[in-house]
């Protein structure tokens, strides 16, 4: 007796191969991230947090604004990506308070979504 194949095109959630990273090396920054447009919990690695604190300008020590800018760019890149992850560069220009010399620091970052948690960190933090 012949059997006919039927194709099932129902959408199903994709299974996650990697476990959710939950430890003390991640900080919850969901409050600022919700203002950018994220709806899930957003965690930033401690290494990225330390780098952003270190790169802030002494005259305008506004860590929240730098973090907001990084989160905005991460949300933008993630919304354009087909996959649940994206990598991007974040460039900070700062002036030395004493010499008025400008320097540019480029940070290579990755944003990834895992089971309703968004992780933002350096590439080597994953």
C-alpha atoms as a PDB file:
ATOM      1  CA  UNK A   1       0.000   0.000   0.000  1.00  0.00           C
ATOM      2  CA  UNK A   2       1.542   3.376  -0.978  1.00  0.00           C
ATOM      3  CA  UNK A   3       2.077   6.014   1.699  1.00  0.00           C
ATOM      4  CA  UNK A   4       1.980   9.722   1.020  1.00  0.00           C
ATOM      5  CA  UNK A   5       4.478  11.993   2.717  1.00  0.00           C
ATOM      6  CA  UNK A   6       3.075  15.031   4.414  1.00  0.00           C
ATOM      7  CA  UNK A   7       5.129  18.093   5.188  1.00  0.00           C
ATOM      8  CA  UNK A   8       4.608  19.846   8.486  1.00  0.00           C
ATOM      9  CA  UNK A   9       5.504  23.566   8.340  1.00  0.00           C
ATOM     10  CA  UNK A  10       4.314  24.473  11.819  1.00  0.00           C
ATOM     11  CA  UNK A  11       6.625  26.838  13.630  1.00  0.00           C
ATOM     12  CA  UNK A  12       8.180  25.409  16.749  1.00  0.00           C
ATOM     13  CA  UNK A  13      10.592  27.007  19.180  1.00  0.00           C
ATOM     14  CA  UNK A  14      14.212  26.268  18.431  1.00  0.00           C
ATOM     15  CA  UNK A  15      15.962  24.189  21.030  1.00  0.00           C
ATOM     16  CA  UNK A  16      18.882  25.847  22.755  1.00  0.00           C
ATOM     17  CA  UNK A  17      22.104  23.863  22.633  1.00  0.00           C
ATOM     18  CA  UNK A  18      24.015  25.971  25.129  1.00  0.00           C
ATOM     19  CA  UNK A  19      23.058  26.264  28.781  1.00  0.00           C
ATOM     20  CA  UNK A  20      22.181  29.647  30.221  1.00  0.00           C
ATOM     21  CA  UNK A  21      25.180  31.280  31.826  1.00  0.00           C
ATOM     22  CA  UNK A  22      24.294  32.080  35.417  1.00  0.00           C
ATOM     23  CA  UNK A  23      27.131  33.003  37.738  1.00  0.00           C
ATOM     24  CA  UNK A  24      28.823  35.916  39.424  1.00  0.00           C
ATOM     25  CA  UNK A  25      30.611  37.014  36.239  1.00  0.00           C
ATOM     26  CA  UNK A  26      27.415  38.644  34.880  1.00  0.00           C
ATOM     27  CA  UNK A  27      25.616  41.790  36.100  1.00  0.00           C
ATOM     28  CA  UNK A  28      21.917  42.478  35.603  1.00  0.00           C
ATOM     29  CA  UNK A  29      21.454  45.748  33.674  1.00  0.00           C
ATOM     30  CA  UNK A  30      17.801  45.238  32.742  1.00  0.00           C
ATOM     31  CA  UNK A  31      16.631  48.597  34.117  1.00  0.00           C
ATOM     32  CA  UNK A  32      18.715  50.624  31.666  1.00  0.00           C
ATOM     33  CA  UNK A  33      18.184  48.062  28.879  1.00  0.00           C
ATOM     34  CA  UNK A  34      14.384  48.366  29.032  1.00  0.00           C
ATOM     35  CA  UNK A  35      14.760  52.051  28.103  1.00  0.00           C
ATOM     36  CA  UNK A  36      16.571  50.996  24.925  1.00  0.00           C
ATOM     37  CA  UNK A  37      13.899  48.510  23.854  1.00  0.00           C
ATOM     38  CA  UNK A  38      14.930  45.165  25.318  1.00  0.00           C
ATOM     39  CA  UNK A  39      12.025  43.248  26.831  1.00  0.00           C
ATOM     40  CA  UNK A  40      14.052  40.354  28.251  1.00  0.00           C
ATOM     41  CA  UNK A  41      16.516  40.308  31.118  1.00  0.00           C
ATOM     42  CA  UNK A  42      19.854  41.805  30.037  1.00  0.00           C
ATOM     43  CA  UNK A  43      23.131  40.775  31.642  1.00  0.00           C
ATOM     44  CA  UNK A  44      26.511  42.415  31.030  1.00  0.00           C
ATOM     45  CA  UNK A  45      29.784  40.654  31.772  1.00  0.00           C
ATOM     46  CA  UNK A  46      31.879  41.956  34.645  1.00  0.00           C
ATOM     47  CA  UNK A  47      34.837  42.364  32.254  1.00  0.00           C
ATOM     48  CA  UNK A  48      32.810  44.645  29.956  1.00  0.00           C
ATOM     49  CA  UNK A  49      31.457  46.546  32.946  1.00  0.00           C
ATOM     50  CA  UNK A  50      34.996  47.148  34.212  1.00  0.00           C
ATOM     51  CA  UNK A  51      36.157  48.262  30.770  1.00  0.00           C
ATOM     52  CA  UNK A  52      33.305  50.765  30.457  1.00  0.00           C
ATOM     53  CA  UNK A  53      33.995  52.169  33.906  1.00  0.00           C
ATOM     54  CA  UNK A  54      37.689  52.481  33.044  1.00  0.00           C
ATOM     55  CA  UNK A  55      36.977  54.229  29.707  1.00  0.00           C
ATOM     56  CA  UNK A  56      34.640  56.881  31.008  1.00  0.00           C
ATOM     57  CA  UNK A  57      35.868  60.438  30.754  1.00  0.00           C
ATOM     58  CA  UNK A  58      37.033  61.916  34.059  1.00  0.00           C
ATOM     59  CA  UNK A  59      35.328  65.219  33.315  1.00  0.00           C
ATOM     60  CA  UNK A  60      32.033  63.618  32.376  1.00  0.00           C
ATOM     61  CA  UNK A  61      32.003  60.486  34.471  1.00  0.00           C
ATOM     62  CA  UNK A  62      28.666  59.228  33.242  1.00  0.00           C
ATOM     63  CA  UNK A  63      28.828  55.443  33.218  1.00  0.00           C
ATOM     64  CA  UNK A  64      25.080  55.138  32.660  1.00  0.00           C
ATOM     65  CA  UNK A  65      25.287  57.092  29.388  1.00  0.00           C
ATOM     66  CA  UNK A  66      28.128  54.934  28.067  1.00  0.00           C
ATOM     67  CA  UNK A  67      26.245  51.772  29.054  1.00  0.00           C
ATOM     68  CA  UNK A  68      23.073  53.137  27.431  1.00  0.00           C
ATOM     69  CA  UNK A  69      24.976  53.754  24.185  1.00  0.00           C
ATOM     70  CA  UNK A  70      26.410  50.210  24.201  1.00  0.00           C
ATOM     71  CA  UNK A  71      22.987  48.712  24.907  1.00  0.00           C
ATOM     72  CA  UNK A  72      21.352  50.809  22.191  1.00  0.00           C
ATOM     73  CA  UNK A  73      23.897  49.631  19.626  1.00  0.00           C
ATOM     74  CA  UNK A  74      23.527  46.029  20.822  1.00  0.00           C
ATOM     75  CA  UNK A  75      19.735  46.225  20.466  1.00  0.00           C
ATOM     76  CA  UNK A  76      20.088  47.742  16.999  1.00  0.00           C
ATOM     77  CA  UNK A  77      22.548  45.061  15.818  1.00  0.00           C
ATOM     78  CA  UNK A  78      20.465  42.255  17.332  1.00  0.00           C
ATOM     79  CA  UNK A  79      17.311  43.532  15.636  1.00  0.00           C
ATOM     80  CA  UNK A  80      19.105  43.475  12.255  1.00  0.00           C
ATOM     81  CA  UNK A  81      20.625  40.023  12.776  1.00  0.00           C
ATOM     82  CA  UNK A  82      18.982  36.892  11.434  1.00  0.00           C
ATOM     83  CA  UNK A  83      20.550  34.743  14.152  1.00  0.00           C
ATOM     84  CA  UNK A  84      19.986  35.225  17.904  1.00  0.00           C
ATOM     85  CA  UNK A  85      23.475  36.739  18.206  1.00  0.00           C
ATOM     86  CA  UNK A  86      25.531  39.547  16.705  1.00  0.00           C
ATOM     87  CA  UNK A  87      29.019  40.985  17.029  1.00  0.00           C
ATOM     88  CA  UNK A  88      29.886  44.651  16.708  1.00  0.00           C
ATOM     89  CA  UNK A  89      32.492  47.285  17.506  1.00  0.00           C
ATOM     90  CA  UNK A  90      31.901  50.035  20.039  1.00  0.00           C
ATOM     91  CA  UNK A  91      34.265  52.980  19.746  1.00  0.00           C
ATOM     92  CA  UNK A  92      34.899  55.393  22.594  1.00  0.00           C
ATOM     93  CA  UNK A  93      36.730  58.654  21.983  1.00  0.00           C
ATOM     94  CA  UNK A  94      38.127  60.310  25.056  1.00  0.00           C
ATOM     95  CA  UNK A  95      40.357  63.276  25.835  1.00  0.00           C
ATOM     96  CA  UNK A  96      43.061  63.279  28.439  1.00  0.00           C
ATOM     97  CA  UNK A  97      42.197  65.882  31.049  1.00  0.00           C
ATOM     98  CA  UNK A  98      45.742  67.183  31.433  1.00  0.00           C
ATOM     99  CA  UNK A  99      47.153  67.054  27.898  1.00  0.00           C
ATOM    100  CA  UNK A 100      43.892  67.399  25.919  1.00  0.00           C
ATOM    101  CA  UNK A 101      45.119  64.570  23.650  1.00  0.00           C
ATOM    102  CA  UNK A 102      42.325  62.526  22.109  1.00  0.00           C
ATOM    103  CA  UNK A 103      42.486  58.761  22.079  1.00  0.00           C
ATOM    104  CA  UNK A 104      40.181  56.173  20.532  1.00  0.00           C
ATOM    105  CA  UNK A 105      39.387  52.823  22.126  1.00  0.00           C
ATOM    106  CA  UNK A 106      37.657  50.130  20.086  1.00  0.00           C
ATOM    107  CA  UNK A 107      35.792  47.368  21.943  1.00  0.00           C
ATOM    108  CA  UNK A 108      34.742  44.205  20.045  1.00  0.00           C
ATOM    109  CA  UNK A 109      31.493  42.986  21.620  1.00  0.00           C
ATOM    110  CA  UNK A 110      28.967  40.186  21.200  1.00  0.00           C
ATOM    111  CA  UNK A 111      25.294  40.169  22.093  1.00  0.00           C
ATOM    112  CA  UNK A 112      23.443  36.870  22.340  1.00  0.00           C
ATOM    113  CA  UNK A 113      19.926  35.790  23.284  1.00  0.00           C
ATOM    114  CA  UNK A 114      19.510  32.599  25.328  1.00  0.00           C
ATOM    115  CA  UNK A 115      16.124  31.542  26.744  1.00  0.00           C
ATOM    116  CA  UNK A 116      14.779  35.075  27.334  1.00  0.00           C
ATOM    117  CA  UNK A 117      18.114  36.361  28.646  1.00  0.00           C
ATOM    118  CA  UNK A 118      20.271  38.718  26.598  1.00  0.00           C
ATOM    119  CA  UNK A 119      24.011  38.479  27.261  1.00  0.00           C
ATOM    120  CA  UNK A 120      26.357  41.310  26.301  1.00  0.00           C
ATOM    121  CA  UNK A 121      30.119  40.863  26.640  1.00  0.00           C
ATOM    122  CA  UNK A 122      33.512  40.685  24.976  1.00  0.00           C
ATOM    123  CA  UNK A 123      33.934  37.827  22.503  1.00  0.00           C
ATOM    124  CA  UNK A 124      36.206  35.902  24.860  1.00  0.00           C
ATOM    125  CA  UNK A 125      33.646  36.045  27.710  1.00  0.00           C
ATOM    126  CA  UNK A 126      31.407  33.486  25.998  1.00  0.00           C
END
